[in-house]
Amino acid sequence: MNMSVKRNRSFSSSRVAFAALGLSVLTACGGGQGGMKMGDNQFAVEAVKATSSNQSEQYPATIKGLQDIEVRPQVSGLIVKLCVDEGATVRKGQALFQIDPTQYKAAYDQAAASVKSAKANLETITATERNKKMLHDQKIISDFEYQTAVNNLLTAKANLAQAEAAYTAAKQNLDFCTVKSPSDGVIGTFPYRIGALVSPSISEPLTTVSEIGDMYVYFSMTEKQLLDLTRAGGTLKEQLEKMPAVKLQLADGTMYDAEGKIDAVSGVIDQTTGSVSMRAIFPNKQNILRSGGMANVVFPYTMSEIILIPQTATQEIQDKKFVYVLQPDSTLKHTEIQISNLNDGKNYIVTGGLKEGDQIVVEGVQTLQDGQKISPITVAQKEAKYQQALQDQRDGNIQTAFN
């Protein structure tokens, strides 16, 4: 009784071990996705056909605001107050800096007083001129005396105009003591702080205001690429409208969630690089894009009537790509192909060496040889065979698992 139990246990253990060994052999020999044959001469073969493929190309780009406006003082003086911080979002007319207004306030007050004095003087001389005119009309005073009164009135008016002009200049200088934002946007850095003496002739601006509601993205492409995009003809405006929307890959590798539109193309080709400068505009409602940043413009396009093959169907020998093409007698021909530099990581775009309808081996190519004869099956048949073999192993049918 004990001997029987031991024999049964020994047989069960052996069966489990053999099943495990069978599974490992099956996996090593091309189970499922491994791509190698499953103990026979059958290999998955697939006919190549022309199709279309969505591709994209990236171009290094620089991000700029619609306007990057330098903010410079228009009067000289010491900075006494910073009204905003670096990087703040501001509105047009918002105060940014305060320059010491003491001398400008004094000049303004003096100009205002001069205007009042000139007005009072003008009123007096105007009344005098009226009286002189009445006396002149009555022949009481001479022409000379009346003309003198008229000239005095003209002088008084000129003095008032001069005083008002000085007042306007003084008021403007006083207003310039508060440096305001020239537009909506985002503030840049501050090279000058409180206590710094600034003037209209300073080398660096007080700061820069960048309009970032929409952003310009500048990039370049080759003349040939541009010709491919614009070969349809029409005006430049019509060509730009036909160009597809572009995307933006940010510096951290993520894709910007809004698409942009190409709105300008340079009319001059750079003779040094043979490239053409282009500009796209992107919305920036969340203020994610910042002027001066770097990114990649992703330009999508569709390639039609191309042949795509899986990369697993190829061999690489001395930087050349090869596939096995099935011949009418079921033998294989080791065939060199040419491929595009563009690929999606899974497939190659074939530019030469294959034609539509050719049948190529898509699995187990590393075990094949030129002229070898195989039993071709479809990819679906190969997958079904692999799944059945796995099921046979799970059910303990080791013998049928390898048939």
Protein backbone atom coordinates (compact mmCIF):
# COMPACT_ATOMS: atom_id res chain seq x y z
CA MET A 1 0.00 0.00 0.00
CA ASN A 2 2.77 2.43 0.89
CA MET A 3 4.73 1.42 -2.15
CA SER A 4 1.74 2.16 -4.39
CA VAL A 5 1.27 5.60 -2.87
CA LYS A 6 4.93 6.38 -3.40
CA ARG A 7 4.79 5.25 -7.02
CA ASN A 8 1.70 7.41 -7.68
CA ARG A 9 3.33 10.43 -6.07
CA SER A 10 6.49 9.86 -8.04
CA PHE A 11 4.49 9.62 -11.29
CA SER A 12 2.54 12.80 -10.48
CA SER A 13 5.71 14.72 -9.69
CA SER A 14 7.33 13.55 -12.88
CA ARG A 15 4.26 14.56 -14.87
CA VAL A 16 4.26 18.06 -13.36
CA ALA A 17 7.99 18.45 -13.95
CA PHE A 18 7.61 17.26 -17.53
CA ALA A 19 4.72 19.67 -18.10
CA ALA A 20 6.79 22.53 -16.75
CA LEU A 21 9.68 21.51 -18.95
CA GLY A 22 7.35 21.32 -21.94
CA LEU A 23 6.01 24.80 -21.26
CA SER A 24 9.51 26.24 -21.02
CA VAL A 25 10.55 24.49 -24.22
CA LEU A 26 7.41 25.74 -25.97
CA THR A 27 8.07 29.28 -24.81
CA ALA A 28 11.69 29.08 -25.89
CA CYS A 29 10.70 27.66 -29.25
CA GLY A 30 8.40 30.43 -30.22
CA GLY A 31 5.30 30.39 -28.04
CA GLY A 32 2.92 33.19 -28.94
CA GLN A 33 4.78 36.42 -29.28
CA GLY A 34 8.31 35.02 -29.28
CA GLY A 35 8.24 34.63 -33.02
CA MET A 36 10.10 31.30 -33.42
CA LYS A 37 8.68 28.08 -34.83
CA MET A 38 6.83 25.65 -32.59
CA GLY A 39 8.67 22.40 -33.19
CA ASP A 40 7.82 22.27 -36.91
CA ASN A 41 8.53 24.07 -40.18
CA GLN A 42 5.55 26.39 -40.07
CA PHE A 43 6.15 30.14 -40.06
CA ALA A 44 3.70 33.02 -40.10
CA VAL A 45 3.66 34.84 -43.44
CA GLU A 46 1.87 38.05 -44.33
CA ALA A 47 1.29 39.84 -47.64
CA VAL A 48 2.43 43.45 -47.67
CA LYS A 49 -0.02 46.08 -48.87
CA ALA A 50 -0.04 49.78 -49.47
CA THR A 51 -1.61 51.86 -46.74
CA SER A 52 -1.50 55.32 -45.24
CA SER A 53 0.27 56.31 -42.07
CA ASN A 54 -0.02 59.30 -39.79
CA GLN A 55 3.45 60.65 -39.13
CA SER A 56 4.85 63.67 -37.38
CA GLU A 57 8.07 65.62 -37.51
CA GLN A 58 9.54 67.81 -34.80
CA TYR A 59 11.31 71.14 -35.14
CA PRO A 60 13.13 72.97 -32.32
CA ALA A 61 11.27 76.16 -31.52
CA THR A 62 11.48 79.32 -29.44
CA ILE A 63 8.46 80.75 -27.64
CA LYS A 64 7.85 84.48 -27.69
CA GLY A 65 5.04 86.70 -26.48
CA LEU A 66 3.01 88.61 -29.04
CA GLN A 67 4.95 91.59 -27.73
CA ASP A 68 7.93 91.78 -25.41
CA ILE A 69 7.88 95.45 -24.45
CA GLU A 70 10.82 97.01 -22.65
CA VAL A 71 9.78 99.31 -19.83
CA ARG A 72 12.10 102.31 -19.46
CA PRO A 73 11.82 105.42 -17.27
CA GLN A 74 11.06 108.73 -18.94
CA VAL A 75 12.39 110.85 -16.07
CA SER A 76 15.50 110.62 -13.90
CA GLY A 77 15.42 109.85 -10.20
CA LEU A 78 15.66 107.28 -7.44
CA ILE A 79 13.32 104.30 -7.35
CA VAL A 80 11.33 104.62 -4.11
CA LYS A 81 8.78 101.82 -4.56
CA LEU A 82 8.27 98.53 -6.42
CA CYS A 83 4.53 98.20 -7.02
CA VAL A 84 4.55 94.60 -8.30
CA ASP A 85 6.78 91.56 -8.02
CA GLU A 86 8.73 89.77 -10.74
CA GLY A 87 6.60 87.36 -12.75
CA ALA A 88 3.35 89.10 -11.83
CA THR A 89 0.47 89.28 -14.28
CA VAL A 90 -0.42 92.93 -14.88
CA ARG A 91 -2.96 95.01 -16.76
CA LYS A 92 -2.34 97.92 -19.08
CA GLY A 93 -1.85 101.12 -17.05
CA GLN A 94 -1.07 99.31 -13.79
CA ALA A 95 1.69 100.93 -11.68
CA LEU A 96 5.01 99.05 -11.74
CA PHE A 97 7.60 101.43 -10.22
CA GLN A 98 7.56 104.71 -8.33
CA ILE A 99 10.36 107.21 -8.94
CA ASP A 100 10.98 109.95 -6.34
CA PRO A 101 8.52 112.71 -7.39
CA THR A 102 9.78 115.53 -5.10
CA GLN A 103 11.45 117.76 -7.70
CA TYR A 104 8.77 117.04 -10.27
CA LYS A 105 5.99 117.89 -7.82
CA ALA A 106 7.70 121.22 -7.11
CA ALA A 107 8.01 121.97 -10.82
CA TYR A 108 4.37 121.04 -11.28
CA ASP A 109 3.22 123.35 -8.50
CA GLN A 110 5.30 126.19 -9.93
CA ALA A 111 3.87 125.63 -13.40
CA ALA A 112 0.33 125.56 -12.00
CA ALA A 113 0.96 128.89 -10.23
CA SER A 114 2.36 130.42 -13.42
CA VAL A 115 -0.79 129.43 -15.28
CA LYS A 116 -2.95 131.14 -12.66
CA SER A 117 -0.82 134.29 -12.82
CA ALA A 118 -0.94 134.36 -16.61
CA LYS A 119 -4.72 133.94 -16.59
CA ALA A 120 -5.15 136.80 -14.13
CA ASN A 121 -2.86 139.03 -16.17
CA LEU A 122 -4.76 138.12 -19.33
CA GLU A 123 -8.07 139.08 -17.74
CA THR A 124 -6.67 142.48 -16.73
CA ILE A 125 -5.20 143.21 -20.13
CA THR A 126 -8.36 142.02 -21.86
CA ALA A 127 -10.42 144.52 -19.87
CA THR A 128 -7.88 147.25 -20.64
CA GLU A 129 -8.05 146.47 -24.33
CA ARG A 130 -11.87 146.77 -24.30
CA ASN A 131 -11.69 150.17 -22.64
CA LYS A 132 -9.01 151.37 -25.06
CA LYS A 133 -11.10 150.24 -28.00
CA MET A 134 -14.11 152.17 -26.75
CA LEU A 135 -11.99 155.32 -26.32
CA HIS A 136 -10.40 154.78 -29.72
CA ASP A 137 -13.79 154.46 -31.35
CA GLN A 138 -14.71 157.84 -29.78
CA LYS A 139 -11.50 159.39 -31.12
CA ILE A 140 -10.36 160.08 -27.54
CA ILE A 141 -7.06 158.15 -27.82
CA SER A 142 -4.70 157.81 -30.70
CA ASP A 143 -4.26 154.82 -32.95
CA PHE A 144 -0.83 154.14 -31.42
CA GLU A 145 -2.17 153.96 -27.87
CA TYR A 146 -4.92 151.54 -28.89
CA GLN A 147 -2.51 149.37 -30.90
CA THR A 148 -0.27 149.18 -27.85
CA ALA A 149 -3.22 147.80 -25.85
CA VAL A 150 -3.89 145.21 -28.56
CA ASN A 151 -0.23 144.14 -28.58
CA ASN A 152 -0.27 143.79 -24.79
CA LEU A 153 -3.32 141.53 -25.09
CA LEU A 154 -1.57 139.33 -27.65
CA THR A 155 1.49 139.12 -25.38
CA ALA A 156 -0.68 138.15 -22.41
CA LYS A 157 -2.33 135.38 -24.43
CA ALA A 158 1.08 134.11 -25.54
CA ASN A 159 2.31 134.16 -21.93
CA LEU A 160 -0.70 132.11 -20.87
CA ALA A 161 -0.11 129.59 -23.65
CA GLN A 162 3.54 129.30 -22.61
CA ALA A 163 2.57 128.83 -18.98
CA GLU A 164 0.04 126.15 -19.91
CA ALA A 165 2.64 124.34 -22.00
CA ALA A 166 5.08 124.37 -19.09
CA TYR A 167 2.27 123.12 -16.85
CA THR A 168 1.51 120.25 -19.24
CA ALA A 169 5.20 119.26 -19.33
CA ALA A 170 5.50 119.45 -15.55
CA LYS A 171 2.34 117.39 -15.08
CA GLN A 172 3.57 114.80 -17.56
CA ASN A 173 6.94 114.50 -15.79
CA LEU A 174 5.12 114.11 -12.49
CA ASP A 175 2.96 111.37 -14.02
CA PHE A 176 6.10 109.70 -15.41
CA CYS A 177 7.30 109.24 -11.83
CA THR A 178 4.80 106.38 -11.70
CA VAL A 179 6.03 103.90 -14.28
CA LYS A 180 3.02 102.01 -15.64
CA SER A 181 2.59 98.84 -17.67
CA PRO A 182 2.25 99.57 -21.41
CA SER A 183 0.06 96.49 -21.97
CA ASP A 184 -1.50 93.43 -20.41
CA GLY A 185 1.08 90.74 -19.79
CA VAL A 186 3.60 89.20 -17.44
CA ILE A 187 6.43 91.08 -15.77
CA GLY A 188 10.03 89.99 -16.29
CA THR A 189 12.99 90.45 -13.96
CA PHE A 190 13.97 93.65 -12.12
CA PRO A 191 17.61 94.68 -12.66
CA TYR A 192 16.99 97.83 -10.58
CA ARG A 193 15.63 97.91 -7.06
CA ILE A 194 14.62 100.53 -4.49
CA GLY A 195 17.31 103.20 -4.17
CA ALA A 196 18.69 102.72 -7.66
CA LEU A 197 19.19 105.88 -9.72
CA VAL A 198 17.57 105.50 -13.12
CA SER A 199 17.15 107.72 -16.16
CA PRO A 200 15.88 107.48 -19.75
CA SER A 201 19.42 106.61 -20.89
CA ILE A 202 19.94 103.48 -18.73
CA SER A 203 21.42 100.52 -20.59
CA GLU A 204 18.97 97.93 -19.28
CA PRO A 205 15.21 98.46 -19.11
CA LEU A 206 13.48 98.51 -15.74
CA THR A 207 11.74 95.29 -16.78
CA THR A 208 9.95 93.67 -19.71
CA VAL A 209 6.22 93.12 -20.11
CA SER A 210 5.34 90.14 -22.27
CA GLU A 211 1.90 89.79 -23.79
CA ILE A 212 1.13 86.09 -23.31
CA GLY A 213 -2.60 85.78 -24.01
CA ASP A 214 -1.46 84.22 -27.28
CA MET A 215 2.09 83.14 -27.94
CA TYR A 216 4.24 83.09 -31.05
CA VAL A 217 6.35 79.96 -31.61
CA TYR A 218 9.22 80.39 -34.08
CA PHE A 219 10.81 77.42 -35.87
CA SER A 220 12.50 76.55 -39.17
CA MET A 221 12.09 73.85 -41.81
CA THR A 222 14.00 73.07 -44.97
CA GLU A 223 13.10 74.57 -48.31
CA LYS A 224 12.13 71.13 -49.65
CA GLN A 225 9.76 70.50 -46.74
CA LEU A 226 8.14 73.87 -47.29
CA LEU A 227 7.72 73.17 -51.01
CA ASP A 228 5.98 69.89 -50.19
CA LEU A 229 3.51 71.82 -48.04
CA THR A 230 2.86 74.65 -50.48
CA ARG A 231 3.11 72.93 -53.85
CA ALA A 232 -0.68 73.10 -54.30
CA GLY A 233 -0.36 76.75 -55.24
CA GLY A 234 -2.56 79.72 -54.47
CA THR A 235 -1.74 82.81 -52.47
CA LEU A 236 0.40 82.58 -49.33
CA LYS A 237 -2.67 83.26 -47.20
CA GLU A 238 -4.54 80.37 -48.85
CA GLN A 239 -1.54 78.08 -48.39
CA LEU A 240 -1.26 78.96 -44.70
CA GLU A 241 -4.95 78.25 -44.18
CA LYS A 242 -4.52 74.78 -45.71
CA MET A 243 -1.62 73.86 -43.44
CA PRO A 244 -2.58 71.43 -40.67
CA ALA A 245 -2.74 72.42 -37.03
CA VAL A 246 0.52 71.88 -35.17
CA LYS A 247 1.20 70.71 -31.64
CA LEU A 248 3.81 71.74 -29.11
CA GLN A 249 6.06 69.48 -27.05
CA LEU A 250 7.17 71.35 -23.95
CA ALA A 251 10.64 71.26 -22.41
CA ASP A 252 9.61 68.52 -19.95
CA GLY A 253 8.51 66.24 -22.79
CA THR A 254 4.77 66.68 -22.24
CA MET A 255 2.44 67.79 -25.00
CA TYR A 256 0.74 71.17 -24.72
CA ASP A 257 -3.02 70.65 -24.60
CA ALA A 258 -3.93 73.29 -27.23
CA GLU A 259 -3.13 73.18 -30.94
CA GLY A 260 -1.52 76.02 -32.84
CA LYS A 261 -1.82 77.41 -36.33
CA ILE A 262 0.97 78.48 -38.67
CA ASP A 263 0.32 82.11 -39.50
CA ALA A 264 3.54 83.38 -41.09
CA VAL A 265 6.36 82.14 -43.33
CA SER A 266 9.52 84.06 -44.07
CA GLY A 267 9.90 85.19 -47.65
CA VAL A 268 13.68 84.72 -47.51
CA ILE A 269 15.57 81.43 -47.40
CA ASP A 270 18.62 81.37 -45.15
CA GLN A 271 21.54 80.84 -47.54
CA THR A 272 23.69 79.33 -44.78
CA THR A 273 21.30 76.62 -43.61
CA GLY A 274 18.86 76.41 -46.52
CA SER A 275 16.00 76.74 -44.04
CA VAL A 276 12.90 78.90 -43.90
CA SER A 277 11.71 80.61 -40.73
CA MET A 278 8.11 79.98 -39.79
CA ARG A 279 5.78 81.15 -37.05
CA ALA A 280 2.85 79.46 -35.34
CA ILE A 281 0.46 81.02 -32.85
CA PHE A 282 -0.81 79.14 -29.80
CA PRO A 283 -3.48 80.18 -27.27
CA ASN A 284 -2.16 80.57 -23.73
CA LYS A 285 -5.21 80.95 -21.51
CA GLN A 286 -3.60 79.19 -18.56
CA ASN A 287 -0.34 81.17 -18.86
CA ILE A 288 1.65 77.92 -19.16
CA LEU A 289 3.79 79.21 -22.02
CA ARG A 290 6.37 81.84 -21.16
CA SER A 291 8.27 84.14 -23.45
CA GLY A 292 11.83 82.96 -24.07
CA GLY A 293 11.01 79.29 -23.44
CA MET A 294 12.11 76.39 -25.64
CA ALA A 295 9.91 73.68 -27.13
CA ASN A 296 9.45 71.44 -30.16
CA VAL A 297 6.82 72.10 -32.80
CA VAL A 298 5.22 68.79 -33.78
CA PHE A 299 4.11 68.91 -37.40
CA PRO A 300 1.65 66.12 -38.34
CA TYR A 301 1.22 64.80 -41.87
CA THR A 302 -0.19 61.72 -43.60
CA MET A 303 1.85 59.50 -45.89
CA SER A 304 -0.30 57.73 -48.50
CA GLU A 305 0.35 54.59 -50.52
CA ILE A 306 3.23 53.39 -48.39
CA ILE A 307 4.26 49.91 -47.29
CA LEU A 308 4.47 49.28 -43.56
CA ILE A 309 6.08 46.14 -42.15
CA PRO A 310 6.67 45.12 -38.53
CA GLN A 311 10.21 45.67 -37.32
CA THR A 312 10.24 42.07 -36.01
CA ALA A 313 10.08 40.87 -39.62
CA THR A 314 13.50 42.35 -40.43
CA GLN A 315 17.11 41.42 -39.95
CA GLU A 316 19.91 43.97 -39.72
CA ILE A 317 23.24 43.07 -41.27
CA GLN A 318 25.96 45.72 -41.49
CA ASP A 319 23.48 48.56 -41.14
CA LYS A 320 21.27 47.11 -43.88
CA LYS A 321 17.77 45.76 -43.44
CA PHE A 322 16.63 42.40 -44.85
CA VAL A 323 13.41 40.41 -44.97
CA TYR A 324 12.55 36.89 -46.12
CA VAL A 325 10.22 36.96 -49.13
CA LEU A 326 8.20 33.80 -49.79
CA GLN A 327 8.64 32.42 -53.31
CA PRO A 328 6.00 30.43 -55.29
CA ASP A 329 7.75 27.14 -54.41
CA SER A 330 7.58 27.98 -50.64
CA THR A 331 11.28 28.77 -50.47
CA LEU A 332 12.58 31.99 -48.98
CA LYS A 333 14.59 34.73 -50.59
CA HIS A 334 16.74 36.90 -48.34
CA THR A 335 15.88 40.36 -49.70
CA GLU A 336 17.43 43.73 -48.86
CA ILE A 337 14.97 46.58 -48.32
CA GLN A 338 15.28 50.32 -47.95
CA ILE A 339 13.40 52.09 -45.18
CA SER A 340 12.55 55.64 -44.19
CA ASN A 341 14.24 57.30 -41.24
CA LEU A 342 10.76 57.86 -39.83
CA ASN A 343 9.25 55.06 -37.73
CA ASP A 344 6.88 54.65 -34.82
CA GLY A 345 9.04 52.18 -32.91
CA LYS A 346 7.01 49.16 -34.11
CA ASN A 347 6.91 49.39 -37.89
CA TYR A 348 9.21 50.43 -40.71
CA ILE A 349 8.17 52.45 -43.75
CA VAL A 350 9.57 50.59 -46.77
CA THR A 351 10.85 52.84 -49.53
CA GLY A 352 12.38 50.12 -51.74
CA GLY A 353 12.91 46.36 -52.13
CA LEU A 354 9.27 45.30 -51.70
CA LYS A 355 6.11 45.73 -53.72
CA GLU A 356 2.49 45.37 -52.81
CA GLY A 357 1.46 41.71 -52.71
CA ASP A 358 4.88 40.33 -51.70
CA GLN A 359 4.61 37.82 -48.87
CA ILE A 360 7.17 38.11 -46.09
CA VAL A 361 7.87 36.04 -43.00
CA VAL A 362 6.85 38.06 -39.94
CA GLU A 363 8.13 35.78 -37.15
CA GLY A 364 11.18 33.69 -36.42
CA VAL A 365 13.34 35.41 -39.06
CA GLN A 366 16.51 35.00 -36.98
CA THR A 367 16.34 31.19 -37.44
CA LEU A 368 15.81 31.20 -41.21
CA GLN A 369 18.23 30.93 -44.11
CA ASP A 370 18.17 32.02 -47.73
CA GLY A 371 16.60 29.31 -49.90
CA GLN A 372 15.04 27.50 -46.96
CA LYS A 373 11.69 25.85 -47.61
CA ILE A 374 8.91 26.43 -45.09
CA SER A 375 5.24 25.68 -44.54
CA PRO A 376 3.61 29.13 -44.57
CA ILE A 377 0.67 29.84 -42.28
CA THR A 378 -1.19 33.01 -41.49
CA VAL A 379 -0.59 35.07 -38.37
CA ALA A 380 -4.02 34.06 -37.10
CA GLN A 381 -3.25 30.36 -37.62
CA LYS A 382 0.04 30.72 -35.82
CA GLU A 383 -1.62 32.43 -32.85
CA ALA A 384 -4.37 29.78 -32.70
CA LYS A 385 -1.76 27.03 -32.78
CA TYR A 386 0.17 28.64 -29.97
CA GLN A 387 -2.94 29.06 -27.81
CA GLN A 388 -3.91 25.43 -28.40
CA ALA A 389 -0.44 24.28 -27.39
CA LEU A 390 -0.69 26.24 -24.16
CA GLN A 391 -4.10 24.71 -23.46
CA ASP A 392 -2.78 21.22 -24.12
CA GLN A 393 0.02 21.79 -21.64
CA ARG A 394 -2.37 23.12 -19.01
CA ASP A 395 -4.54 20.03 -19.55
CA GLY A 396 -1.49 17.75 -19.27
CA ASN A 397 -1.60 16.66 -22.92
CA ILE A 398 2.15 16.87 -23.35
CA GLN A 399 2.20 14.65 -26.41
CA THR A 400 -0.36 16.68 -28.35
CA ALA A 401 1.15 19.97 -27.19
CA PHE A 402 4.07 19.38 -29.54
CA ASN A 403 2.24 17.92 -32.52
